[in-house]
Amino acid sequence: MDDFGTRIKKHRERRGWTMRELARIAHVDASWICRLETGERRNISLEAATRLALALGVSVDYLAGITERSQGRHEPVVASV
């Protein structure tokens, strides 16, 4: 399963965007995106995750690894208890 940063990078590259372009669209700092993508930074606020998800056209659940599907109906990765 991909981690948060890997999922961001995958969808950023699918759109053909640089880190700087994603940062501009999501209203975050490009160096911060770099640290997320490389795994140097792992903690992220819900607000920032939402901005990235909206910019990339995916769900926050997908970015967080709760679901494997980036769009549409989502099936949880972890079985309910």
C-alpha atoms as a PDB file:
ATOM      1  CA  MET A   1       0.000   0.000   0.000  1.00  0.00           C
ATOM      2  CA  ASP A   2       1.299   3.465  -0.917  1.00  0.00           C
ATOM      3  CA  ASP A   3       1.854   6.057   1.782  1.00  0.00           C
ATOM      4  CA  PHE A   4       0.428   9.589   1.808  1.00  0.00           C
ATOM      5  CA  GLY A   5       3.383  11.185   0.044  1.00  0.00           C
ATOM      6  CA  THR A   6       3.556   8.509  -2.633  1.00  0.00           C
ATOM      7  CA  ARG A   7      -0.133   8.964  -3.419  1.00  0.00           C
ATOM      8  CA  ILE A   8       0.282  12.733  -3.685  1.00  0.00           C
ATOM      9  CA  LYS A   9       3.226  12.335  -6.048  1.00  0.00           C
ATOM     10  CA  LYS A  10       1.444   9.732  -8.175  1.00  0.00           C
ATOM     11  CA  HIS A  11      -1.592  11.933  -8.755  1.00  0.00           C
ATOM     12  CA  ARG A  12       0.466  15.106  -9.164  1.00  0.00           C
ATOM     13  CA  GLU A  13       2.523  13.435 -11.888  1.00  0.00           C
ATOM     14  CA  ARG A  14      -0.599  11.991 -13.553  1.00  0.00           C
ATOM     15  CA  ARG A  15      -1.792  15.557 -13.980  1.00  0.00           C
ATOM     16  CA  GLY A  16       1.610  16.596 -15.310  1.00  0.00           C
ATOM     17  CA  TRP A  17       2.101  19.113 -12.500  1.00  0.00           C
ATOM     18  CA  THR A  18       5.283  20.157 -10.799  1.00  0.00           C
ATOM     19  CA  MET A  19       5.365  20.481  -7.017  1.00  0.00           C
ATOM     20  CA  ARG A  20       5.233  24.232  -7.488  1.00  0.00           C
ATOM     21  CA  GLU A  21       2.065  23.984  -9.593  1.00  0.00           C
ATOM     22  CA  LEU A  22       0.329  21.765  -7.038  1.00  0.00           C
ATOM     23  CA  ALA A  23       1.408  24.122  -4.264  1.00  0.00           C
ATOM     24  CA  ARG A  24      -0.101  27.091  -6.083  1.00  0.00           C
ATOM     25  CA  ILE A  25      -3.400  25.297  -6.701  1.00  0.00           C
ATOM     26  CA  ALA A  26      -3.655  23.872  -3.166  1.00  0.00           C
ATOM     27  CA  HIS A  27      -2.397  27.076  -1.483  1.00  0.00           C
ATOM     28  CA  VAL A  28       0.488  25.367   0.307  1.00  0.00           C
ATOM     29  CA  ASP A  29       4.269  25.692   0.130  1.00  0.00           C
ATOM     30  CA  ALA A  30       6.122  23.710  -2.572  1.00  0.00           C
ATOM     31  CA  SER A  31       8.929  22.745  -0.192  1.00  0.00           C
ATOM     32  CA  TRP A  32       6.306  21.302   2.155  1.00  0.00           C
ATOM     33  CA  ILE A  33       4.946  19.122  -0.691  1.00  0.00           C
ATOM     34  CA  CYS A  34       8.500  17.964  -1.373  1.00  0.00           C
ATOM     35  CA  ARG A  35       8.912  16.932   2.272  1.00  0.00           C
ATOM     36  CA  LEU A  36       5.587  15.053   2.166  1.00  0.00           C
ATOM     37  CA  GLU A  37       6.482  13.226  -1.042  1.00  0.00           C
ATOM     38  CA  THR A  38       9.911  12.182   0.221  1.00  0.00           C
ATOM     39  CA  GLY A  39       8.557  11.043   3.582  1.00  0.00           C
ATOM     40  CA  GLU A  40      10.528  13.665   5.503  1.00  0.00           C
ATOM     41  CA  ARG A  41       7.227  15.069   6.775  1.00  0.00           C
ATOM     42  CA  ARG A  42       4.423  12.712   7.808  1.00  0.00           C
ATOM     43  CA  ASN A  43       2.085  14.806   9.958  1.00  0.00           C
ATOM     44  CA  ILE A  44      -0.497  16.852   8.093  1.00  0.00           C
ATOM     45  CA  SER A  45      -3.546  18.798   9.194  1.00  0.00           C
ATOM     46  CA  LEU A  46      -7.010  17.892   7.959  1.00  0.00           C
ATOM     47  CA  GLU A  47      -7.240  21.303   6.306  1.00  0.00           C
ATOM     48  CA  ALA A  48      -4.019  20.763   4.330  1.00  0.00           C
ATOM     49  CA  ALA A  49      -5.018  17.197   3.392  1.00  0.00           C
ATOM     50  CA  THR A  50      -8.362  18.517   2.145  1.00  0.00           C
ATOM     51  CA  ARG A  51      -6.669  21.202   0.042  1.00  0.00           C
ATOM     52  CA  LEU A  52      -4.384  18.624  -1.562  1.00  0.00           C
ATOM     53  CA  ALA A  53      -7.219  16.150  -2.135  1.00  0.00           C
ATOM     54  CA  LEU A  54      -9.416  18.794  -3.788  1.00  0.00           C
ATOM     55  CA  ALA A  55      -6.550  19.991  -5.981  1.00  0.00           C
ATOM     56  CA  LEU A  56      -5.714  16.433  -7.067  1.00  0.00           C
ATOM     57  CA  GLY A  57      -9.345  15.346  -7.509  1.00  0.00           C
ATOM     58  CA  VAL A  58      -9.111  12.517  -4.986  1.00  0.00           C
ATOM     59  CA  SER A  59     -10.576  11.905  -1.538  1.00  0.00           C
ATOM     60  CA  VAL A  60      -8.806  12.550   1.748  1.00  0.00           C
ATOM     61  CA  ASP A  61      -9.589   8.909   2.614  1.00  0.00           C
ATOM     62  CA  TYR A  62      -7.596   7.816  -0.420  1.00  0.00           C
ATOM     63  CA  LEU A  63      -4.613  10.033   0.404  1.00  0.00           C
ATOM     64  CA  ALA A  64      -4.647   8.751   3.999  1.00  0.00           C
ATOM     65  CA  GLY A  65      -4.723   5.111   2.854  1.00  0.00           C
ATOM     66  CA  ILE A  66      -8.175   4.411   4.296  1.00  0.00           C
ATOM     67  CA  THR A  67      -9.391   3.336   0.873  1.00  0.00           C
ATOM     68  CA  GLU A  68      -7.565   2.098  -2.199  1.00  0.00           C
ATOM     69  CA  ARG A  69      -9.882   3.825  -4.674  1.00  0.00           C
ATOM     70  CA  SER A  70      -9.059   7.414  -5.497  1.00  0.00           C
ATOM     71  CA  GLN A  71     -12.579   8.285  -6.707  1.00  0.00           C
ATOM     72  CA  GLY A  72     -16.127   7.019  -6.676  1.00  0.00           C
ATOM     73  CA  ARG A  73     -17.477   4.584  -4.113  1.00  0.00           C
ATOM     74  CA  HIS A  74     -14.851   3.705  -1.536  1.00  0.00           C
ATOM     75  CA  GLU A  75     -14.246   0.396   0.166  1.00  0.00           C
ATOM     76  CA  PRO A  76     -12.313   0.618   3.439  1.00  0.00           C
ATOM     77  CA  VAL A  77      -8.862  -0.927   3.580  1.00  0.00           C
ATOM     78  CA  VAL A  78      -9.388  -2.024   7.194  1.00  0.00           C
ATOM     79  CA  ALA A  79     -12.313  -4.301   7.950  1.00  0.00           C
ATOM     80  CA  SER A  80     -14.877  -2.841  10.320  1.00  0.00           C
ATOM     81  CA  VAL A  81     -14.862  -4.210  13.832  1.00  0.00           C
END
